[in-house]
Amino acid sequence: MKWLSMCALLSLLPASAVAQEVQPAPPSRLWIVAGGATTTLRGHCQDCGQDFPFRHGGAITGNGGYRVNPRVDVGGDVFWIQWNNESGHIYATALNGVVQFRPWKTKGFFVKGGAGMAFVHNYVHTLGPHPDRQKALSVVFGGGWEFNPKGRLGLQLFATQYVGALGDLQTAGGAVGDVTANFWSLGAAIVIR
């Protein structure tokens, strides 16, 4: 009887081991995007008598944060650009909190939006020999397509617009009110999930 119960127990062990399935590793909650863009920018003010030209430059962009679910990412966005004009060069950096949404889990289309701060470092000599630093409200919105959206590594093509509301800007000719800057970007980035 003892041997019979022992054989019955041993015959059940392989069956229970086969019934267990290997669980896949949970997806990463980390979301990192890094890339570059070609950017067109233009400054504008409400009461300006002059028409500001469009300028062009290369930009570096990146996102990072937390993957809430297969459709939503939340985190931070950084955008940096340098451009030149007749008097010197200007740097702008935008730091925004962003939300990225994918309407379809299996497709790569996404939209994103957010807000934060922009920092403009102006090497154009408007008031004196020292650079001028200005803070601004920053807003970003855009969209694009991510190739391999379910994988850990992918490629993203995107179009975004950053808007920096500088407010009143002091220049050598006096104060200029309601200054805004628009940055339109087309670019590509590597995505790590």
Protein backbone atom coordinates (compact mmCIF):
# COMPACT_ATOMS: atom_id res chain seq x y z
CA MET A 1 0.00 0.00 0.00
CA LYS A 2 2.85 2.31 0.84
CA TRP A 3 4.47 1.66 -2.55
CA LEU A 4 1.23 2.18 -4.38
CA SER A 5 0.60 5.62 -2.84
CA MET A 6 4.23 6.58 -3.53
CA CYS A 7 3.89 5.65 -7.24
CA ALA A 8 0.62 7.56 -7.51
CA LEU A 9 2.29 10.65 -6.02
CA LEU A 10 5.27 10.41 -8.39
CA SER A 11 3.02 10.03 -11.41
CA LEU A 12 1.26 13.30 -10.50
CA LEU A 13 4.44 15.38 -10.16
CA PRO A 14 5.34 15.63 -13.87
CA ALA A 15 1.73 16.46 -14.75
CA SER A 16 1.64 19.41 -12.37
CA ALA A 17 5.03 20.64 -13.60
CA VAL A 18 3.85 20.51 -17.23
CA ALA A 19 0.62 22.37 -16.41
CA GLN A 20 2.52 25.41 -15.13
CA GLU A 21 3.25 27.98 -17.81
CA VAL A 22 6.28 30.21 -17.84
CA GLN A 23 5.18 33.76 -17.10
CA PRO A 24 6.63 36.40 -19.44
CA ALA A 25 8.69 39.18 -17.90
CA PRO A 26 6.57 42.25 -17.10
CA PRO A 27 7.10 45.16 -19.49
CA SER A 28 9.42 47.94 -18.39
CA ARG A 29 7.78 50.98 -16.82
CA LEU A 30 10.64 53.21 -18.00
CA TRP A 31 10.12 55.45 -21.05
CA ILE A 32 13.14 57.16 -22.65
CA VAL A 33 13.27 59.00 -25.99
CA ALA A 34 16.34 60.80 -27.38
CA GLY A 35 16.83 62.35 -30.80
CA GLY A 36 17.26 65.38 -32.97
CA ALA A 37 15.13 67.64 -35.13
CA THR A 38 15.29 70.33 -37.75
CA THR A 39 13.48 73.39 -36.45
CA THR A 40 11.98 76.54 -37.91
CA LEU A 41 11.38 79.37 -35.47
CA ARG A 42 9.88 82.79 -35.46
CA GLY A 43 9.49 85.48 -32.84
CA HIS A 44 6.48 87.73 -32.69
CA CYS A 45 5.03 90.51 -30.56
CA GLN A 46 1.56 91.96 -30.53
CA ASP A 47 2.41 95.63 -31.04
CA CYS A 48 5.54 95.31 -33.17
CA GLY A 49 5.70 97.35 -36.33
CA GLN A 50 8.23 95.04 -37.93
CA ASP A 51 7.85 91.57 -39.34
CA PHE A 52 10.33 89.10 -37.86
CA PRO A 53 12.02 86.62 -40.21
CA PHE A 54 11.79 82.86 -40.00
CA ARG A 55 15.02 81.27 -38.78
CA HIS A 56 16.22 77.68 -38.91
CA GLY A 57 18.40 75.51 -36.71
CA GLY A 58 19.07 72.03 -35.43
CA ALA A 59 17.59 70.93 -32.10
CA ILE A 60 18.16 68.19 -29.55
CA THR A 61 15.10 66.68 -27.91
CA GLY A 62 14.36 64.03 -25.34
CA ASN A 63 11.62 62.56 -23.16
CA GLY A 64 11.74 60.38 -20.11
CA GLY A 65 9.31 59.13 -17.56
CA TYR A 66 6.87 56.46 -16.52
CA ARG A 67 4.71 54.17 -18.63
CA VAL A 68 1.29 54.25 -16.97
CA ASN A 69 -0.27 51.61 -19.25
CA PRO A 70 0.20 50.41 -22.87
CA ARG A 71 -1.39 53.63 -24.16
CA VAL A 72 -0.21 56.41 -21.81
CA ASP A 73 3.24 57.71 -20.83
CA VAL A 74 3.86 60.60 -18.42
CA GLY A 75 7.13 62.35 -17.74
CA GLY A 76 9.38 65.20 -18.73
CA ASP A 77 10.41 66.69 -22.06
CA VAL A 78 13.54 68.68 -22.89
CA PHE A 79 14.11 70.69 -26.07
CA TRP A 80 17.32 72.64 -26.85
CA ILE A 81 18.11 74.81 -29.87
CA GLN A 82 20.69 77.39 -30.92
CA TRP A 83 20.20 79.84 -33.76
CA ASN A 84 22.01 82.87 -35.15
CA ASN A 85 20.84 86.26 -36.28
CA GLU A 86 22.66 89.34 -37.57
CA SER A 87 23.85 90.38 -34.09
CA GLY A 88 24.85 87.08 -32.48
CA HIS A 89 23.49 83.75 -31.34
CA ILE A 90 20.70 82.69 -29.00
CA TYR A 91 20.10 79.47 -27.05
CA ALA A 92 16.66 78.30 -25.93
CA THR A 93 15.90 75.38 -23.63
CA ALA A 94 12.36 74.22 -22.85
CA LEU A 95 11.62 71.92 -19.89
CA ASN A 96 8.05 70.59 -19.90
CA GLY A 97 5.94 68.03 -18.12
CA VAL A 98 4.26 65.93 -20.82
CA VAL A 99 1.64 63.25 -21.37
CA GLN A 100 1.86 61.01 -24.44
CA PHE A 101 -1.19 59.07 -25.60
CA ARG A 102 -1.49 56.25 -28.15
CA PRO A 103 -5.12 55.71 -29.26
CA TRP A 104 -4.37 52.15 -30.47
CA LYS A 105 -2.26 49.65 -28.53
CA THR A 106 -0.92 47.86 -31.59
CA LYS A 107 -0.36 50.90 -33.83
CA GLY A 108 2.45 53.41 -33.54
CA PHE A 109 0.48 56.69 -33.81
CA PHE A 110 0.77 58.99 -30.77
CA VAL A 111 -0.07 62.53 -29.66
CA LYS A 112 1.54 64.45 -26.82
CA GLY A 113 1.13 67.70 -24.97
CA GLY A 114 2.49 69.51 -21.95
CA ALA A 115 3.65 72.73 -20.33
CA GLY A 116 6.58 74.04 -18.33
CA MET A 117 9.36 76.65 -18.50
CA ALA A 118 11.61 77.92 -21.28
CA PHE A 119 14.97 79.55 -20.69
CA VAL A 120 16.39 81.87 -23.35
CA HIS A 121 20.08 82.78 -23.22
CA ASN A 122 20.57 85.73 -25.56
CA TYR A 123 24.11 86.54 -26.72
CA VAL A 124 22.82 89.35 -28.93
CA HIS A 125 24.13 92.61 -27.47
CA THR A 126 20.90 94.45 -26.77
CA LEU A 127 21.63 96.20 -23.46
CA GLY A 128 25.36 95.71 -23.02
CA PRO A 129 28.25 93.30 -23.46
CA HIS A 130 26.79 90.63 -21.15
CA PRO A 131 24.29 87.97 -22.25
CA ASP A 132 20.64 88.45 -21.41
CA ARG A 133 18.72 85.60 -19.75
CA GLN A 134 14.95 85.39 -19.96
CA LYS A 135 12.40 82.92 -18.53
CA ALA A 136 9.17 82.09 -20.31
CA LEU A 137 6.08 79.95 -20.10
CA SER A 138 6.50 76.97 -22.42
CA VAL A 139 3.80 74.86 -24.07
CA VAL A 140 4.39 71.82 -26.30
CA PHE A 141 2.07 69.74 -28.46
CA GLY A 142 2.68 67.34 -31.30
CA GLY A 143 2.35 63.85 -32.66
CA GLY A 144 4.09 61.20 -34.66
CA TRP A 145 4.58 57.54 -35.38
CA GLU A 146 6.57 55.00 -33.40
CA PHE A 147 7.92 51.96 -35.22
CA ASN A 148 7.95 48.75 -33.11
CA PRO A 149 5.65 50.18 -30.37
CA LYS A 150 5.49 46.86 -28.47
CA GLY A 151 9.25 46.26 -28.42
CA ARG A 152 11.85 47.48 -25.97
CA LEU A 153 13.71 49.45 -28.66
CA GLY A 154 12.07 51.46 -31.41
CA LEU A 155 12.29 54.45 -33.72
CA GLN A 156 10.02 57.48 -33.58
CA LEU A 157 9.29 60.11 -36.25
CA PHE A 158 7.61 63.21 -34.85
CA ALA A 159 6.37 66.73 -35.47
CA THR A 160 6.07 69.15 -32.53
CA GLN A 161 5.46 72.78 -31.82
CA TYR A 162 6.93 74.56 -28.82
CA VAL A 163 5.62 77.98 -27.86
CA GLY A 164 7.55 80.25 -25.49
CA ALA A 165 5.69 83.21 -24.04
CA LEU A 166 8.49 85.59 -23.00
CA GLY A 167 6.24 88.46 -21.93
CA ASP A 168 7.94 91.88 -21.88
CA LEU A 169 11.46 91.90 -23.32
CA GLN A 170 13.94 94.69 -22.62
CA THR A 171 16.00 95.70 -25.65
CA ALA A 172 18.38 98.57 -26.41
CA GLY A 173 15.47 100.37 -28.08
CA GLY A 174 13.19 99.97 -25.04
CA ALA A 175 10.68 97.45 -23.76
CA VAL A 176 8.86 95.21 -26.24
CA GLY A 177 5.58 93.79 -24.94
CA ASP A 178 3.96 90.37 -25.36
CA VAL A 179 6.87 88.61 -27.05
CA THR A 180 6.29 84.99 -28.09
CA ALA A 181 8.48 82.51 -29.93
CA ASN A 182 7.22 79.55 -31.96
CA PHE A 183 9.42 76.52 -32.73
CA TRP A 184 8.17 74.01 -35.33
CA SER A 185 10.18 70.77 -35.40
CA LEU A 186 10.39 67.63 -37.53
CA GLY A 187 12.66 64.91 -36.24
CA ALA A 188 13.53 61.36 -35.36
CA ALA A 189 14.39 59.69 -32.07
CA ILE A 190 15.29 56.35 -30.51
CA VAL A 191 12.74 54.96 -28.05
CA ILE A 192 13.64 52.68 -25.13
CA ARG A 193 10.86 51.01 -23.12
